[in-house]
C-alpha atoms as a PDB file:
ATOM      1  CA  MET A   1      -5.285  17.924  -7.800  1.00  0.00           C
ATOM      2  CA  ARG A   2      -2.090  16.169  -7.210  1.00  0.00           C
ATOM      3  CA  ASP A   3      -3.572  14.652  -3.861  1.00  0.00           C
ATOM      4  CA  TRP A   4      -6.648  13.706  -5.660  1.00  0.00           C
ATOM      5  CA  LEU A   5      -4.872  11.772  -8.126  1.00  0.00           C
ATOM      6  CA  GLY A   6      -2.645  10.002  -5.715  1.00  0.00           C
ATOM      7  CA  GLY A   7      -5.792   9.167  -3.534  1.00  0.00           C
ATOM      8  CA  MET A   8      -7.549   7.612  -6.732  1.00  0.00           C
ATOM      9  CA  ALA A   9      -4.470   5.681  -7.641  1.00  0.00           C
ATOM     10  CA  THR A  10      -4.469   4.244  -3.842  1.00  0.00           C
ATOM     11  CA  TRP A  11      -8.002   3.467  -3.881  1.00  0.00           C
ATOM     12  CA  LEU A  12      -7.595   1.660  -7.385  1.00  0.00           C
ATOM     13  CA  SER A  13      -4.734  -0.327  -6.209  1.00  0.00           C
ATOM     14  CA  GLN A  14      -6.393  -1.287  -3.087  1.00  0.00           C
ATOM     15  CA  GLY A  15      -9.463  -2.581  -5.191  1.00  0.00           C
ATOM     16  CA  ILE A  16      -7.345  -4.474  -7.450  1.00  0.00           C
ATOM     17  CA  ASN A  17      -5.773  -6.191  -4.168  1.00  0.00           C
ATOM     18  CA  CYS A  18      -8.970  -6.807  -2.807  1.00  0.00           C
ATOM     19  CA  ALA A  19     -11.004  -7.897  -5.951  1.00  0.00           C
ATOM     20  CA  ILE A  20      -8.829  -9.346  -8.118  1.00  0.00           C
ATOM     21  CA  LEU A  21      -6.070 -10.759  -6.146  1.00  0.00           C
ATOM     22  CA  LYS A  22      -8.147 -11.783  -2.940  1.00  0.00           C
ATOM     23  CA  GLY A  23      -5.893  -9.412  -0.616  1.00  0.00           C
ATOM     24  CA  ASN A  24      -6.726  -7.000   2.060  1.00  0.00           C
ATOM     25  CA  PRO A  25      -8.999  -4.107   0.892  1.00  0.00           C
ATOM     26  CA  ASP A  26      -6.856  -1.624   3.032  1.00  0.00           C
ATOM     27  CA  MET A  27      -3.378  -2.767   1.383  1.00  0.00           C
ATOM     28  CA  THR A  28      -2.175  -1.630  -1.916  1.00  0.00           C
ATOM     29  CA  VAL A  29      -0.624  -3.923  -4.492  1.00  0.00           C
ATOM     30  CA  SER A  30       2.841  -2.284  -3.875  1.00  0.00           C
ATOM     31  CA  ALA A  31       2.729  -2.892  -0.200  1.00  0.00           C
ATOM     32  CA  ARG A  32       1.572  -6.597  -0.448  1.00  0.00           C
ATOM     33  CA  CYS A  33       4.348  -6.985  -2.837  1.00  0.00           C
ATOM     34  CA  HIS A  34       6.773  -5.879  -0.228  1.00  0.00           C
ATOM     35  CA  ILE A  35       5.295  -7.977   2.599  1.00  0.00           C
ATOM     36  CA  SER A  36       5.043 -10.960   0.470  1.00  0.00           C
ATOM     37  CA  ARG A  37       8.493 -10.669  -1.499  1.00  0.00           C
ATOM     38  CA  ASP A  38       9.835 -14.153  -0.291  1.00  0.00           C
ATOM     39  CA  LYS A  39       7.245 -15.689  -2.828  1.00  0.00           C
ATOM     40  CA  ARG A  40       8.454 -15.701  -6.439  1.00  0.00           C
ATOM     41  CA  ARG A  41       5.581 -14.010  -8.177  1.00  0.00           C
ATOM     42  CA  TRP A  42       5.537 -11.271  -5.653  1.00  0.00           C
ATOM     43  CA  ARG A  43       9.212 -10.747  -5.792  1.00  0.00           C
ATOM     44  CA  ILE A  44       8.785 -10.583  -9.741  1.00  0.00           C
ATOM     45  CA  ALA A  45       5.696  -8.188  -9.307  1.00  0.00           C
ATOM     46  CA  ARG A  46       7.732  -6.056  -6.569  1.00  0.00           C
ATOM     47  CA  ALA A  47      10.676  -5.762  -9.276  1.00  0.00           C
ATOM     48  CA  ILE A  48       8.363  -4.573 -11.994  1.00  0.00           C
ATOM     49  CA  ILE A  49       6.353  -2.206  -9.883  1.00  0.00           C
ATOM     50  CA  ASN A  50       9.634  -0.622  -8.316  1.00  0.00           C
ATOM     51  CA  ARG A  51      10.745  -0.324 -12.115  1.00  0.00           C
ATOM     52  CA  ILE A  52       7.910   1.554 -12.919  1.00  0.00           C
ATOM     53  CA  PHE A  53       8.182   3.872 -10.034  1.00  0.00           C
ATOM     54  CA  PHE A  54      12.012   4.263 -11.104  1.00  0.00           C
ATOM     55  CA  TRP A  55      12.324   7.901  -9.194  1.00  0.00           C
ATOM     56  CA  GLN A  56      11.892   6.067  -6.009  1.00  0.00           C
ATOM     57  CA  ASP A  57      14.386   4.007  -4.241  1.00  0.00           C
ATOM     58  CA  ASP A  58      12.042   1.209  -3.242  1.00  0.00           C
ATOM     59  CA  HIS A  59       8.353   2.208  -3.951  1.00  0.00           C
ATOM     60  CA  CYS A  60       6.898  -0.959  -2.654  1.00  0.00           C
ATOM     61  CA  GLU A  61       8.672  -0.429   0.792  1.00  0.00           C
ATOM     62  CA  ALA A  62       7.735   2.995   0.595  1.00  0.00           C
ATOM     63  CA  SER A  63       4.124   2.179   0.140  1.00  0.00           C
ATOM     64  CA  PHE A  64       4.204  -0.483   2.839  1.00  0.00           C
ATOM     65  CA  SER A  65       5.463   2.180   5.224  1.00  0.00           C
ATOM     66  CA  SER A  66       2.790   4.445   4.275  1.00  0.00           C
ATOM     67  CA  ASP A  67       0.091   2.104   4.955  1.00  0.00           C
ATOM     68  CA  VAL A  68       1.632   1.310   8.386  1.00  0.00           C
ATOM     69  CA  ALA A  69       1.980   5.003   9.186  1.00  0.00           C
ATOM     70  CA  TYR A  70      -2.004   5.559   8.289  1.00  0.00           C
ATOM     71  CA  ALA A  71      -2.854   2.901  10.308  1.00  0.00           C
ATOM     72  CA  LYS A  72      -0.991   4.156  13.357  1.00  0.00           C
ATOM     73  CA  LEU A  73      -2.860   7.453  12.672  1.00  0.00           C
ATOM     74  CA  VAL A  74      -6.349   5.974  12.712  1.00  0.00           C
ATOM     75  CA  THR A  75      -5.628   3.719  15.589  1.00  0.00           C
ATOM     76  CA  ALA A  76      -4.375   6.725  17.631  1.00  0.00           C
ATOM     77  CA  ALA A  77      -7.491   8.705  16.361  1.00  0.00           C
ATOM     78  CA  HIS A  78      -9.667   5.877  17.408  1.00  0.00           C
ATOM     79  CA  LYS A  79      -7.749   5.713  20.888  1.00  0.00           C
ATOM     80  CA  ARG A  80      -8.649   9.498  21.730  1.00  0.00           C
ATOM     81  CA  LEU A  81     -12.335   9.020  20.822  1.00  0.00           C
ATOM     82  CA  ILE A  82     -12.784   6.055  23.193  1.00  0.00           C
ATOM     83  CA  HIS A  83     -10.906   7.912  26.062  1.00  0.00           C
ATOM     84  CA  ASP A  84     -12.621  11.294  25.443  1.00  0.00           C
END
């Protein structure tokens, strides 16, 4: 159940990033805040999100790292399919 809720939260965040914020559909709002932290509005949003997820040292950076790790996993799987 916990994995399902986490997946739904990720899906919702990606949907908001894509549909409302005109961002990449494969990126969460948190990851986008980490990437765009040099811009004032994203830096403020990052601070707010990190405060909401107070039990994590840096939620936005962790979200970005998670997105990168998943992209690497998908890329490796795709390479295996091509070469097999």
